[in-house]
Amino acid sequence: MPSIIEQLEQFVKDDPGDPFSKYALALEYQKVNVHKALTLFNTLLVEHENYVPTYYHLGKLYQQEGDPEMAVRTFDKGIEVARRANDHKTLKELQSARESLLFDN
């Protein structure tokens, strides 16, 4: 039976234009290969700039990896995209993550 990562890689291969499959794959890679996760999240931002959930998780990953400047930049861009999309829930999550990061540093 294929692993979750193998299944998601197949989904991406089958439908490379679907942002959710790449997003889900990046989340799984976050657990085992941070570099691969960063690459996938950044590819998502290039290919699907308006896919709002990416910004939160990429920002948190930068924070976890000790790069608060990139985390803040990612949160800021995500806040802008969430506002344009009228995605109030994600907007609040991004604002909270940004404030928490700035307050903690």
PDB file of N, CA and C in Angstrom:
ATOM      1  N   MET A   1       0.850  -1.183   0.000  1.00  0.00           N
ATOM      2  CA  MET A   1       0.000   0.000   0.000  1.00  0.00           C
ATOM      3  C   MET A   1       0.899   1.251   0.000  1.00  0.00           C
ATOM      4  N   PRO A   2       0.634   2.191  -0.898  1.00  0.00           N
ATOM      5  CA  PRO A   2       1.481   3.389  -0.966  1.00  0.00           C
ATOM      6  C   PRO A   2       1.303   4.287   0.264  1.00  0.00           C
ATOM      7  N   SER A   3       2.380   4.985   0.597  1.00  0.00           N
ATOM      8  CA  SER A   3       2.325   5.927   1.715  1.00  0.00           C
ATOM      9  C   SER A   3       1.471   7.135   1.327  1.00  0.00           C
ATOM     10  N   ILE A   4       1.147   7.939   2.322  1.00  0.00           N
ATOM     11  CA  ILE A   4       0.376   9.161   2.060  1.00  0.00           C
ATOM     12  C   ILE A   4       1.146  10.061   1.101  1.00  0.00           C
ATOM     13  N   ILE A   5       2.451  10.182   1.312  1.00  0.00           N
ATOM     14  CA  ILE A   5       3.269  11.018   0.431  1.00  0.00           C
ATOM     15  C   ILE A   5       3.228  10.476  -0.999  1.00  0.00           C
ATOM     16  N   GLU A   6       3.359   9.174  -1.147  1.00  0.00           N
ATOM     17  CA  GLU A   6       3.298   8.579  -2.492  1.00  0.00           C
ATOM     18  C   GLU A   6       1.943   8.812  -3.148  1.00  0.00           C
ATOM     19  N   GLN A   7       0.878   8.690  -2.375  1.00  0.00           N
ATOM     20  CA  GLN A   7      -0.460   8.932  -2.918  1.00  0.00           C
ATOM     21  C   GLN A   7      -0.611  10.391  -3.359  1.00  0.00           C
ATOM     22  N   LEU A   8      -0.153  11.311  -2.504  1.00  0.00           N
ATOM     23  CA  LEU A   8      -0.268  12.730  -2.838  1.00  0.00           C
ATOM     24  C   LEU A   8       0.607  13.093  -4.038  1.00  0.00           C
ATOM     25  N   GLU A   9       1.800  12.498  -4.121  1.00  0.00           N
ATOM     26  CA  GLU A   9       2.652  12.738  -5.291  1.00  0.00           C
ATOM     27  C   GLU A   9       1.953  12.274  -6.568  1.00  0.00           C
ATOM     28  N   GLN A  10       1.229  11.175  -6.475  1.00  0.00           N
ATOM     29  CA  GLN A  10       0.475  10.695  -7.639  1.00  0.00           C
ATOM     30  C   GLN A  10      -0.658  11.655  -7.983  1.00  0.00           C
ATOM     31  N   PHE A  11      -1.338  12.182  -6.968  1.00  0.00           N
ATOM     32  CA  PHE A  11      -2.400  13.164  -7.214  1.00  0.00           C
ATOM     33  C   PHE A  11      -1.839  14.395  -7.928  1.00  0.00           C
ATOM     34  N   VAL A  12      -0.674  14.853  -7.485  1.00  0.00           N
ATOM     35  CA  VAL A  12      -0.036  16.023  -8.108  1.00  0.00           C
ATOM     36  C   VAL A  12       0.331  15.698  -9.552  1.00  0.00           C
ATOM     37  N   LYS A  13       0.852  14.513  -9.755  1.00  0.00           N
ATOM     38  CA  LYS A  13       1.228  14.085 -11.111  1.00  0.00           C
ATOM     39  C   LYS A  13      -0.006  14.008 -12.009  1.00  0.00           C
ATOM     40  N   ASP A  14      -1.104  13.474 -11.461  1.00  0.00           N
ATOM     41  CA  ASP A  14      -2.335  13.307 -12.240  1.00  0.00           C
ATOM     42  C   ASP A  14      -3.002  14.643 -12.558  1.00  0.00           C
ATOM     43  N   ASP A  15      -2.899  15.604 -11.641  1.00  0.00           N
ATOM     44  CA  ASP A  15      -3.546  16.914 -11.834  1.00  0.00           C
ATOM     45  C   ASP A  15      -2.626  18.007 -11.307  1.00  0.00           C
ATOM     46  N   PRO A  16      -1.578  18.339 -12.076  1.00  0.00           N
ATOM     47  CA  PRO A  16      -0.589  19.306 -11.591  1.00  0.00           C
ATOM     48  C   PRO A  16      -1.143  20.718 -11.366  1.00  0.00           C
ATOM     49  N   GLY A  17      -2.299  21.013 -11.904  1.00  0.00           N
ATOM     50  CA  GLY A  17      -2.893  22.334 -11.726  1.00  0.00           C
ATOM     51  C   GLY A  17      -3.724  22.483 -10.468  1.00  0.00           C
ATOM     52  N   ASP A  18      -3.869  21.404  -9.706  1.00  0.00           N
ATOM     53  CA  ASP A  18      -4.684  21.427  -8.488  1.00  0.00           C
ATOM     54  C   ASP A  18      -3.827  21.881  -7.309  1.00  0.00           C
ATOM     55  N   PRO A  19      -4.082  23.077  -6.766  1.00  0.00           N
ATOM     56  CA  PRO A  19      -3.256  23.555  -5.661  1.00  0.00           C
ATOM     57  C   PRO A  19      -3.412  22.741  -4.388  1.00  0.00           C
ATOM     58  N   PHE A  20      -4.584  22.161  -4.151  1.00  0.00           N
ATOM     59  CA  PHE A  20      -4.789  21.443  -2.891  1.00  0.00           C
ATOM     60  C   PHE A  20      -3.849  20.244  -2.763  1.00  0.00           C
ATOM     61  N   SER A  21      -3.654  19.506  -3.838  1.00  0.00           N
ATOM     62  CA  SER A  21      -2.778  18.335  -3.771  1.00  0.00           C
ATOM     63  C   SER A  21      -1.352  18.742  -3.421  1.00  0.00           C
ATOM     64  N   LYS A  22      -0.855  19.815  -4.015  1.00  0.00           N
ATOM     65  CA  LYS A  22       0.498  20.290  -3.699  1.00  0.00           C
ATOM     66  C   LYS A  22       0.570  20.792  -2.256  1.00  0.00           C
ATOM     67  N   TYR A  23      -0.478  21.463  -1.831  1.00  0.00           N
ATOM     68  CA  TYR A  23      -0.549  21.971  -0.462  1.00  0.00           C
ATOM     69  C   TYR A  23      -0.516  20.811   0.535  1.00  0.00           C
ATOM     70  N   ALA A  24      -1.341  19.802   0.287  1.00  0.00           N
ATOM     71  CA  ALA A  24      -1.390  18.641   1.178  1.00  0.00           C
ATOM     72  C   ALA A  24      -0.051  17.906   1.182  1.00  0.00           C
ATOM     73  N   LEU A  25       0.580  17.807   0.010  1.00  0.00           N
ATOM     74  CA  LEU A  25       1.887  17.159  -0.075  1.00  0.00           C
ATOM     75  C   LEU A  25       2.930  17.947   0.716  1.00  0.00           C
ATOM     76  N   ALA A  26       2.906  19.264   0.613  1.00  0.00           N
ATOM     77  CA  ALA A  26       3.848  20.096   1.377  1.00  0.00           C
ATOM     78  C   ALA A  26       3.644  19.912   2.879  1.00  0.00           C
ATOM     79  N   LEU A  27       2.397  19.820   3.313  1.00  0.00           N
ATOM     80  CA  LEU A  27       2.121  19.597   4.740  1.00  0.00           C
ATOM     81  C   LEU A  27       2.696  18.265   5.207  1.00  0.00           C
ATOM     82  N   GLU A  28       2.570  17.240   4.385  1.00  0.00           N
ATOM     83  CA  GLU A  28       3.124  15.931   4.753  1.00  0.00           C
ATOM     84  C   GLU A  28       4.647  15.976   4.776  1.00  0.00           C
ATOM     85  N   TYR A  29       5.241  16.627   3.794  1.00  0.00           N
ATOM     86  CA  TYR A  29       6.703  16.721   3.761  1.00  0.00           C
ATOM     87  C   TYR A  29       7.240  17.534   4.933  1.00  0.00           C
ATOM     88  N   GLN A  30       6.441  18.440   5.449  1.00  0.00           N
ATOM     89  CA  GLN A  30       6.858  19.244   6.595  1.00  0.00           C
ATOM     90  C   GLN A  30       7.281  18.349   7.760  1.00  0.00           C
ATOM     91  N   LYS A  31       6.698  17.172   7.845  1.00  0.00           N
ATOM     92  CA  LYS A  31       6.977  16.233   8.939  1.00  0.00           C
ATOM     93  C   LYS A  31       8.292  15.484   8.751  1.00  0.00           C
ATOM     94  N   VAL A  32       8.748  15.346   7.487  1.00  0.00           N
ATOM     95  CA  VAL A  32       9.909  14.484   7.223  1.00  0.00           C
ATOM     96  C   VAL A  32      11.027  15.133   6.421  1.00  0.00           C
ATOM     97  N   ASN A  33      10.734  16.227   5.704  1.00  0.00           N
ATOM     98  CA  ASN A  33      11.740  16.843   4.845  1.00  0.00           C
ATOM     99  C   ASN A  33      11.399  18.329   4.680  1.00  0.00           C
ATOM    100  N   VAL A  34      11.929  19.137   5.577  1.00  0.00           N
ATOM    101  CA  VAL A  34      11.603  20.568   5.601  1.00  0.00           C
ATOM    102  C   VAL A  34      11.991  21.254   4.296  1.00  0.00           C
ATOM    103  N   HIS A  35      13.142  20.907   3.746  1.00  0.00           N
ATOM    104  CA  HIS A  35      13.587  21.527   2.493  1.00  0.00           C
ATOM    105  C   HIS A  35      12.580  21.277   1.369  1.00  0.00           C
ATOM    106  N   LYS A  36      12.124  20.028   1.269  1.00  0.00           N
ATOM    107  CA  LYS A  36      11.129  19.679   0.241  1.00  0.00           C
ATOM    108  C   LYS A  36       9.822  20.431   0.493  1.00  0.00           C
ATOM    109  N   ALA A  37       9.417  20.555   1.743  1.00  0.00           N
ATOM    110  CA  ALA A  37       8.197  21.289   2.085  1.00  0.00           C
ATOM    111  C   ALA A  37       8.328  22.759   1.679  1.00  0.00           C
ATOM    112  N   LEU A  38       9.466  23.379   2.005  1.00  0.00           N
ATOM    113  CA  LEU A  38       9.690  24.779   1.617  1.00  0.00           C
ATOM    114  C   LEU A  38       9.615  24.949   0.105  1.00  0.00           C
ATOM    115  N   THR A  39      10.227  24.028  -0.611  1.00  0.00           N
ATOM    116  CA  THR A  39      10.200  24.082  -2.080  1.00  0.00           C
ATOM    117  C   THR A  39       8.770  23.990  -2.599  1.00  0.00           C
ATOM    118  N   LEU A  40       8.000  23.055  -2.077  1.00  0.00           N
ATOM    119  CA  LEU A  40       6.617  22.888  -2.524  1.00  0.00           C
ATOM    120  C   LEU A  40       5.755  24.104  -2.183  1.00  0.00           C
ATOM    121  N   PHE A  41       5.878  24.617  -0.962  1.00  0.00           N
ATOM    122  CA  PHE A  41       5.108  25.801  -0.578  1.00  0.00           C
ATOM    123  C   PHE A  41       5.461  26.990  -1.477  1.00  0.00           C
ATOM    124  N   ASN A  42       6.740  27.179  -1.753  1.00  0.00           N
ATOM    125  CA  ASN A  42       7.144  28.300  -2.602  1.00  0.00           C
ATOM    126  C   ASN A  42       6.699  28.110  -4.050  1.00  0.00           C
ATOM    127  N   THR A  43       6.690  26.877  -4.516  1.00  0.00           N
ATOM    128  CA  THR A  43       6.153  26.595  -5.849  1.00  0.00           C
ATOM    129  C   THR A  43       4.667  26.946  -5.894  1.00  0.00           C
ATOM    130  N   LEU A  44       3.959  26.612  -4.829  1.00  0.00           N
ATOM    131  CA  LEU A  44       2.539  26.963  -4.747  1.00  0.00           C
ATOM    132  C   LEU A  44       2.329  28.474  -4.851  1.00  0.00           C
ATOM    133  N   LEU A  45       3.172  29.240  -4.172  1.00  0.00           N
ATOM    134  CA  LEU A  45       3.020  30.697  -4.209  1.00  0.00           C
ATOM    135  C   LEU A  45       3.254  31.248  -5.609  1.00  0.00           C
ATOM    136  N   VAL A  46       4.150  30.622  -6.357  1.00  0.00           N
ATOM    137  CA  VAL A  46       4.406  31.058  -7.729  1.00  0.00           C
ATOM    138  C   VAL A  46       3.247  30.663  -8.641  1.00  0.00           C
ATOM    139  N   GLU A  47       2.802  29.422  -8.515  1.00  0.00           N
ATOM    140  CA  GLU A  47       1.772  28.889  -9.420  1.00  0.00           C
ATOM    141  C   GLU A  47       0.349  29.275  -9.018  1.00  0.00           C
ATOM    142  N   HIS A  48       0.135  29.463  -7.711  1.00  0.00           N
ATOM    143  CA  HIS A  48      -1.223  29.727  -7.200  1.00  0.00           C
ATOM    144  C   HIS A  48      -1.135  30.792  -6.106  1.00  0.00           C
ATOM    145  N   GLU A  49      -0.782  31.985  -6.506  1.00  0.00           N
ATOM    146  CA  GLU A  49      -0.558  33.078  -5.554  1.00  0.00           C
ATOM    147  C   GLU A  49      -1.760  33.328  -4.654  1.00  0.00           C
ATOM    148  N   ASN A  50      -2.948  33.059  -5.147  1.00  0.00           N
ATOM    149  CA  ASN A  50      -4.165  33.346  -4.385  1.00  0.00           C
ATOM    150  C   ASN A  50      -4.653  32.173  -3.541  1.00  0.00           C
ATOM    151  N   TYR A  51      -3.860  31.095  -3.446  1.00  0.00           N
ATOM    152  CA  TYR A  51      -4.243  29.965  -2.599  1.00  0.00           C
ATOM    153  C   TYR A  51      -3.865  30.313  -1.160  1.00  0.00           C
ATOM    154  N   VAL A  52      -4.794  30.905  -0.458  1.00  0.00           N
ATOM    155  CA  VAL A  52      -4.561  31.556   0.832  1.00  0.00           C
ATOM    156  C   VAL A  52      -3.948  30.656   1.915  1.00  0.00           C
ATOM    157  N   PRO A  53      -4.356  29.394   2.065  1.00  0.00           N
ATOM    158  CA  PRO A  53      -3.814  28.601   3.178  1.00  0.00           C
ATOM    159  C   PRO A  53      -2.289  28.437   3.155  1.00  0.00           C
ATOM    160  N   THR A  54      -1.700  28.542   1.999  1.00  0.00           N
ATOM    161  CA  THR A  54      -0.254  28.354   1.876  1.00  0.00           C
ATOM    162  C   THR A  54       0.518  29.332   2.754  1.00  0.00           C
ATOM    163  N   TYR A  55       0.065  30.562   2.832  1.00  0.00           N
ATOM    164  CA  TYR A  55       0.817  31.614   3.513  1.00  0.00           C
ATOM    165  C   TYR A  55       0.977  31.333   5.013  1.00  0.00           C
ATOM    166  N   TYR A  56      -0.063  30.852   5.637  1.00  0.00           N
ATOM    167  CA  TYR A  56       0.019  30.570   7.067  1.00  0.00           C
ATOM    168  C   TYR A  56       1.059  29.484   7.341  1.00  0.00           C
ATOM    169  N   HIS A  57       0.939  28.374   6.634  1.00  0.00           N
ATOM    170  CA  HIS A  57       1.823  27.245   6.909  1.00  0.00           C
ATOM    171  C   HIS A  57       3.263  27.523   6.489  1.00  0.00           C
ATOM    172  N   LEU A  58       3.456  28.238   5.391  1.00  0.00           N
ATOM    173  CA  LEU A  58       4.814  28.592   4.995  1.00  0.00           C
ATOM    174  C   LEU A  58       5.424  29.566   5.998  1.00  0.00           C
ATOM    175  N   GLY A  59       4.655  30.540   6.441  1.00  0.00           N
ATOM    176  CA  GLY A  59       5.150  31.478   7.444  1.00  0.00           C
ATOM    177  C   GLY A  59       5.542  30.773   8.733  1.00  0.00           C
ATOM    178  N   LYS A  60       4.704  29.851   9.183  1.00  0.00           N
ATOM    179  CA  LYS A  60       5.017  29.096  10.398  1.00  0.00           C
ATOM    180  C   LYS A  60       6.262  28.220  10.199  1.00  0.00           C
ATOM    181  N   LEU A  61       6.431  27.673   8.998  1.00  0.00           N
ATOM    182  CA  LEU A  61       7.606  26.861   8.732  1.00  0.00           C
ATOM    183  C   LEU A  61       8.870  27.723   8.758  1.00  0.00           C
ATOM    184  N   TYR A  62       8.812  28.903   8.166  1.00  0.00           N
ATOM    185  CA  TYR A  62       9.960  29.814   8.258  1.00  0.00           C
ATOM    186  C   TYR A  62      10.256  30.155   9.722  1.00  0.00           C
ATOM    187  N   GLN A  63       9.221  30.399  10.484  1.00  0.00           N
ATOM    188  CA  GLN A  63       9.391  30.705  11.906  1.00  0.00           C
ATOM    189  C   GLN A  63      10.060  29.542  12.621  1.00  0.00           C
ATOM    190  N   GLN A  64       9.567  28.348  12.381  1.00  0.00           N
ATOM    191  CA  GLN A  64      10.120  27.132  12.996  1.00  0.00           C
ATOM    192  C   GLN A  64      11.584  26.948  12.612  1.00  0.00           C
ATOM    193  N   GLU A  65      11.930  27.330  11.394  1.00  0.00           N
ATOM    194  CA  GLU A  65      13.295  27.145  10.899  1.00  0.00           C
ATOM    195  C   GLU A  65      14.218  28.305  11.280  1.00  0.00           C
ATOM    196  N   GLY A  66      13.721  29.252  12.090  1.00  0.00           N
ATOM    197  CA  GLY A  66      14.559  30.325  12.592  1.00  0.00           C
ATOM    198  C   GLY A  66      14.765  31.479  11.621  1.00  0.00           C
ATOM    199  N   ASP A  67      13.783  31.712  10.756  1.00  0.00           N
ATOM    200  CA  ASP A  67      13.863  32.824   9.813  1.00  0.00           C
ATOM    201  C   ASP A  67      12.646  33.737  10.007  1.00  0.00           C
ATOM    202  N   PRO A  68      12.643  34.514  11.104  1.00  0.00           N
ATOM    203  CA  PRO A  68      11.477  35.347  11.399  1.00  0.00           C
ATOM    204  C   PRO A  68      11.214  36.412  10.337  1.00  0.00           C
ATOM    205  N   GLU A  69      12.257  36.905   9.680  1.00  0.00           N
ATOM    206  CA  GLU A  69      12.053  37.923   8.640  1.00  0.00           C
ATOM    207  C   GLU A  69      11.223  37.360   7.478  1.00  0.00           C
ATOM    208  N   MET A  70      11.569  36.159   7.018  1.00  0.00           N
ATOM    209  CA  MET A  70      10.789  35.536   5.935  1.00  0.00           C
ATOM    210  C   MET A  70       9.392  35.164   6.417  1.00  0.00           C
ATOM    211  N   ALA A  71       9.274  34.795   7.685  1.00  0.00           N
ATOM    212  CA  ALA A  71       7.959  34.474   8.230  1.00  0.00           C
ATOM    213  C   ALA A  71       7.059  35.703   8.182  1.00  0.00           C
ATOM    214  N   VAL A  72       7.567  36.843   8.630  1.00  0.00           N
ATOM    215  CA  VAL A  72       6.772  38.080   8.628  1.00  0.00           C
ATOM    216  C   VAL A  72       6.416  38.479   7.195  1.00  0.00           C
ATOM    217  N   ARG A  73       7.372  38.393   6.299  1.00  0.00           N
ATOM    218  CA  ARG A  73       7.092  38.738   4.892  1.00  0.00           C
ATOM    219  C   ARG A  73       6.008  37.836   4.307  1.00  0.00           C
ATOM    220  N   THR A  74       6.069  36.555   4.656  1.00  0.00           N
ATOM    221  CA  THR A  74       5.067  35.604   4.165  1.00  0.00           C
ATOM    222  C   THR A  74       3.699  35.903   4.775  1.00  0.00           C
ATOM    223  N   PHE A  75       3.657  36.157   6.074  1.00  0.00           N
ATOM    224  CA  PHE A  75       2.388  36.518   6.715  1.00  0.00           C
ATOM    225  C   PHE A  75       1.816  37.800   6.100  1.00  0.00           C
ATOM    226  N   ASP A  76       2.674  38.806   5.873  1.00  0.00           N
ATOM    227  CA  ASP A  76       2.212  40.067   5.289  1.00  0.00           C
ATOM    228  C   ASP A  76       1.581  39.859   3.917  1.00  0.00           C
ATOM    229  N   LYS A  77       2.249  39.081   3.079  1.00  0.00           N
ATOM    230  CA  LYS A  77       1.711  38.802   1.743  1.00  0.00           C
ATOM    231  C   LYS A  77       0.405  38.029   1.863  1.00  0.00           C
ATOM    232  N   GLY A  78       0.353  37.072   2.772  1.00  0.00           N
ATOM    233  CA  GLY A  78      -0.865  36.300   2.979  1.00  0.00           C
ATOM    234  C   GLY A  78      -2.021  37.165   3.463  1.00  0.00           C
ATOM    235  N   ILE A  79      -1.722  38.131   4.324  1.00  0.00           N
ATOM    236  CA  ILE A  79      -2.747  39.061   4.811  1.00  0.00           C
ATOM    237  C   ILE A  79      -3.330  39.844   3.638  1.00  0.00           C
ATOM    238  N   GLU A  80      -2.467  40.294   2.760  1.00  0.00           N
ATOM    239  CA  GLU A  80      -2.910  41.036   1.568  1.00  0.00           C
ATOM    240  C   GLU A  80      -3.802  40.154   0.678  1.00  0.00           C
ATOM    241  N   VAL A  81      -3.379  38.923   0.435  1.00  0.00           N
ATOM    242  CA  VAL A  81      -4.142  38.004  -0.415  1.00  0.00           C
ATOM    243  C   VAL A  81      -5.472  37.626   0.250  1.00  0.00           C
ATOM    244  N   ALA A  82      -5.455  37.368   1.548  1.00  0.00           N
ATOM    245  CA  ALA A  82      -6.685  37.018   2.264  1.00  0.00           C
ATOM    246  C   ALA A  82      -7.686  38.165   2.245  1.00  0.00           C
ATOM    247  N   ARG A  83      -7.185  39.393   2.375  1.00  0.00           N
ATOM    248  CA  ARG A  83      -8.088  40.560   2.291  1.00  0.00           C
ATOM    249  C   ARG A  83      -8.760  40.632   0.930  1.00  0.00           C
ATOM    250  N   ARG A  84      -7.964  40.480  -0.120  1.00  0.00           N
ATOM    251  CA  ARG A  84      -8.521  40.530  -1.483  1.00  0.00           C
ATOM    252  C   ARG A  84      -9.547  39.430  -1.704  1.00  0.00           C
ATOM    253  N   ALA A  85      -9.313  38.272  -1.082  1.00  0.00           N
ATOM    254  CA  ALA A  85     -10.210  37.132  -1.252  1.00  0.00           C
ATOM    255  C   ALA A  85     -11.399  37.170  -0.285  1.00  0.00           C
ATOM    256  N   ASN A  86     -11.432  38.166   0.596  1.00  0.00           N
ATOM    257  CA  ASN A  86     -12.467  38.240   1.640  1.00  0.00           C
ATOM    258  C   ASN A  86     -12.512  36.971   2.484  1.00  0.00           C
ATOM    259  N   ASP A  87     -11.341  36.406   2.741  1.00  0.00           N
ATOM    260  CA  ASP A  87     -11.215  35.204   3.567  1.00  0.00           C
ATOM    261  C   ASP A  87     -10.903  35.665   4.997  1.00  0.00           C
ATOM    262  N   HIS A  88     -11.965  36.009   5.724  1.00  0.00           N
ATOM    263  CA  HIS A  88     -11.818  36.623   7.044  1.00  0.00           C
ATOM    264  C   HIS A  88     -11.190  35.687   8.073  1.00  0.00           C
ATOM    265  N   LYS A  89     -11.530  34.410   7.998  1.00  0.00           N
ATOM    266  CA  LYS A  89     -10.984  33.449   8.963  1.00  0.00           C
ATOM    267  C   LYS A  89      -9.463  33.349   8.817  1.00  0.00           C
ATOM    268  N   THR A  90      -8.990  33.136   7.585  1.00  0.00           N
ATOM    269  CA  THR A  90      -7.551  33.017   7.364  1.00  0.00           C
ATOM    270  C   THR A  90      -6.858  34.347   7.624  1.00  0.00           C
ATOM    271  N   LEU A  91      -7.509  35.447   7.296  1.00  0.00           N
ATOM    272  CA  LEU A  91      -6.952  36.776   7.567  1.00  0.00           C
ATOM    273  C   LEU A  91      -6.657  36.930   9.064  1.00  0.00           C
ATOM    274  N   LYS A  92      -7.608  36.556   9.899  1.00  0.00           N
ATOM    275  CA  LYS A  92      -7.406  36.641  11.348  1.00  0.00           C
ATOM    276  C   LYS A  92      -6.280  35.728  11.814  1.00  0.00           C
ATOM    277  N   GLU A  93      -6.214  34.516  11.252  1.00  0.00           N
ATOM    278  CA  GLU A  93      -5.148  33.578  11.626  1.00  0.00           C
ATOM    279  C   GLU A  93      -3.778  34.135  11.248  1.00  0.00           C
ATOM    280  N   LEU A  94      -3.678  34.714  10.060  1.00  0.00           N
ATOM    281  CA  LEU A  94      -2.409  35.297   9.607  1.00  0.00           C
ATOM    282  C   LEU A  94      -2.016  36.499  10.458  1.00  0.00           C
ATOM    283  N   GLN A  95      -2.975  37.355  10.771  1.00  0.00           N
ATOM    284  CA  GLN A  95      -2.688  38.530  11.601  1.00  0.00           C
ATOM    285  C   GLN A  95      -2.228  38.095  12.994  1.00  0.00           C
ATOM    286  N   SER A  96      -2.891  37.111  13.543  1.00  0.00           N
ATOM    287  CA  SER A  96      -2.535  36.611  14.869  1.00  0.00           C
ATOM    288  C   SER A  96      -1.137  35.996  14.856  1.00  0.00           C
ATOM    289  N   ALA A  97      -0.833  35.208  13.834  1.00  0.00           N
ATOM    290  CA  ALA A  97       0.498  34.588  13.733  1.00  0.00           C
ATOM    291  C   ALA A  97       1.575  35.658  13.604  1.00  0.00           C
ATOM    292  N   ARG A  98       1.293  36.685  12.812  1.00  0.00           N
ATOM    293  CA  ARG A  98       2.257  37.768  12.623  1.00  0.00           C
ATOM    294  C   ARG A  98       2.492  38.520  13.929  1.00  0.00           C
ATOM    295  N   GLU A  99       1.405  38.874  14.607  1.00  0.00           N
ATOM    296  CA  GLU A  99       1.523  39.610  15.871  1.00  0.00           C
ATOM    297  C   GLU A  99       2.254  38.773  16.902  1.00  0.00           C
ATOM    298  N   SER A 100       1.950  37.501  16.987  1.00  0.00           N
ATOM    299  CA  SER A 100       2.593  36.612  17.944  1.00  0.00           C
ATOM    300  C   SER A 100       4.101  36.536  17.669  1.00  0.00           C
ATOM    301  N   LEU A 101       4.455  36.432  16.412  1.00  0.00           N
ATOM    302  CA  LEU A 101       5.865  36.364  16.039  1.00  0.00           C
ATOM    303  C   LEU A 101       6.588  37.650  16.413  1.00  0.00           C
ATOM    304  N   LEU A 102       5.990  38.783  16.100  1.00  0.00           N
ATOM    305  CA  LEU A 102       6.627  40.065  16.402  1.00  0.00           C
ATOM    306  C   LEU A 102       6.701  40.308  17.909  1.00  0.00           C
ATOM    307  N   PHE A 103       5.665  39.887  18.638  1.00  0.00           N
ATOM    308  CA  PHE A 103       5.626  40.075  20.086  1.00  0.00           C
ATOM    309  C   PHE A 103       6.672  39.210  20.781  1.00  0.00           C
ATOM    310  N   ASP A 104       6.861  37.974  20.246  1.00  0.00           N
ATOM    311  CA  ASP A 104       7.803  37.034  20.857  1.00  0.00           C
ATOM    312  C   ASP A 104       9.253  37.378  20.573  1.00  0.00           C
ATOM    313  N   ASN A 105       9.503  38.168  19.535  1.00  0.00           N
ATOM    314  CA  ASN A 105      10.903  38.493  19.187  1.00  0.00           C
ATOM    315  C   ASN A 105      11.338  39.837  19.668  1.00  0.00           C
TER     316      ASN A 105
END
